[in-house]
Protein backbone atom coordinates (compact mmCIF):
# COMPACT_ATOMS: atom_id res chain seq x y z
CA MET A 1 88.62 87.63 100.42
CA GLU A 2 92.30 87.14 100.97
CA TYR A 3 93.62 90.81 100.30
CA LYS A 4 92.20 93.55 102.39
CA ILE A 5 93.45 97.40 102.18
CA GLU A 6 92.00 100.52 103.59
CA LYS A 7 88.86 101.70 101.47
CA GLU A 8 90.50 105.21 100.95
CA PHE A 9 93.71 104.10 99.79
CA GLY A 10 92.13 101.63 97.40
CA THR A 11 89.50 104.04 96.05
CA LYS A 12 92.18 106.41 95.13
CA TRP A 13 94.56 103.52 93.85
CA VAL A 14 91.88 102.19 91.37
CA LYS A 15 90.65 105.59 90.30
CA GLY A 16 94.67 106.66 89.79
CA LEU A 17 94.86 103.36 87.43
CA ARG A 18 91.90 104.42 85.31
CA SER A 19 92.84 107.97 85.16
CA ARG A 20 95.10 107.64 82.47
CA LYS A 21 97.41 110.48 83.90
CA PHE A 22 100.16 107.95 84.45
CA LYS A 23 102.43 106.37 81.80
CA LYS A 24 103.01 102.43 82.59
CA GLY A 25 106.56 101.48 83.72
CA LYS A 26 107.98 98.00 84.82
CA PHE A 27 110.40 96.95 87.74
CA LYS A 28 110.64 100.37 89.38
CA LEU A 29 107.85 102.27 91.39
CA TYR A 30 108.97 105.35 89.43
CA GLU A 31 111.29 106.02 86.74
CA PRO A 32 112.30 109.75 86.46
CA THR A 33 114.06 109.65 83.43
CA THR A 34 110.95 108.46 81.54
CA ASP A 35 108.21 109.72 84.01
CA CYS A 36 106.60 106.20 84.30
CA HIS A 37 105.42 104.27 87.13
CA CYS A 38 104.40 100.69 87.98
CA ALA A 39 100.92 99.97 89.68
CA LEU A 40 102.42 100.34 92.82
CA GLY A 41 103.96 103.47 92.15
CA VAL A 42 100.42 104.94 91.16
CA ALA A 43 99.18 103.73 94.41
CA ALA A 44 102.16 105.64 96.40
CA VAL A 45 101.47 109.02 94.23
CA VAL A 46 97.81 109.28 94.57
CA ASN A 47 98.11 108.60 98.32
CA ASP A 48 100.71 111.45 98.77
CA PHE A 49 103.79 109.41 99.09
CA LYS A 50 106.75 111.26 97.51
CA PHE A 51 109.76 110.16 95.48
CA THR A 52 113.15 111.37 95.64
CA LYS A 53 115.12 112.71 92.75
CA ASN A 54 116.36 109.04 91.72
CA GLY A 55 112.67 107.57 92.03
CA ILE A 56 113.16 105.99 95.45
CA LEU A 57 109.99 106.12 97.48
CA ALA A 58 110.63 108.59 100.42
CA VAL A 59 108.65 109.14 103.81
CA LYS A 60 105.33 110.17 103.55
CA GLU A 61 104.84 113.50 105.05
CA ASN A 62 102.57 112.66 107.85
CA GLY A 63 104.22 109.35 108.89
CA HIS A 64 106.06 106.36 107.54
CA LEU A 65 105.58 104.73 104.22
CA TYR A 66 105.29 100.96 103.58
CA LEU A 67 103.93 99.52 100.45
CA TYR A 68 104.12 95.86 102.26
CA ASP A 69 104.21 94.19 105.48
CA ASP A 70 101.12 95.22 107.33
CA GLU A 71 101.44 98.81 106.95
CA VAL A 72 99.30 99.64 103.58
CA VAL A 73 99.70 96.77 101.23
CA SER A 74 100.25 93.16 102.30
CA MET A 75 103.35 91.43 100.95
CA ASN A 76 101.27 88.93 99.19
CA LEU A 77 99.06 91.63 97.36
CA TYR A 78 102.30 93.46 96.58
CA ALA A 79 103.81 90.29 95.05
CA LYS A 80 100.58 89.68 93.06
CA ILE A 81 100.23 93.26 91.76
CA THR A 82 104.09 93.12 90.82
CA GLU A 83 103.35 90.08 88.89
CA MET A 84 100.53 91.57 86.92
CA ASN A 85 102.38 94.93 86.36
CA ASP A 86 106.11 93.65 85.64
CA HIS A 87 105.81 90.10 84.43
CA ASP A 88 102.28 89.72 82.70
CA ASP A 89 102.54 93.42 81.40
CA LEU A 90 98.96 93.99 82.00
CA PRO A 91 97.42 97.44 81.29
CA PHE A 92 96.82 99.55 84.37
CA ARG A 93 92.91 99.32 83.70
CA LYS A 94 92.98 95.44 83.93
CA ILE A 95 94.78 95.81 87.08
CA ALA A 96 92.36 98.05 88.42
CA ASP A 97 89.52 95.30 87.45
CA TRP A 98 91.55 92.71 89.25
CA ILE A 99 91.98 94.79 92.46
CA GLU A 100 88.13 95.68 92.48
CA ALA A 101 87.34 92.13 91.97
CA ASN A 102 89.67 90.55 94.46
CA VAL A 103 90.68 92.99 96.97
CA GLU A 104 88.46 93.92 100.02
CA PHE A 105 88.27 97.64 100.86
CA ILE A 106 87.73 98.16 104.69
């Protein structure tokens, strides 16, 4: 598969997307005024990344935070999820389906 993420990260992410605990937002990981998250914002929350008051992703308590490059989510996967969430406006369950079908959990 073209896309790979750590198994624990991916499992929590898909579960979070399917949980119905998050309101879907677009163009920001988290929007505090509406309490909305994009699909990548859900990944951050369920994997214990923290947000500042203005919705900017802050450093994870036990280390660095990256949602792209080689750290957690590759730039290609980041771009694909952003496209599905922001531009295609897919619901979280459809994004979760796509992740399960196209991302290898390692």
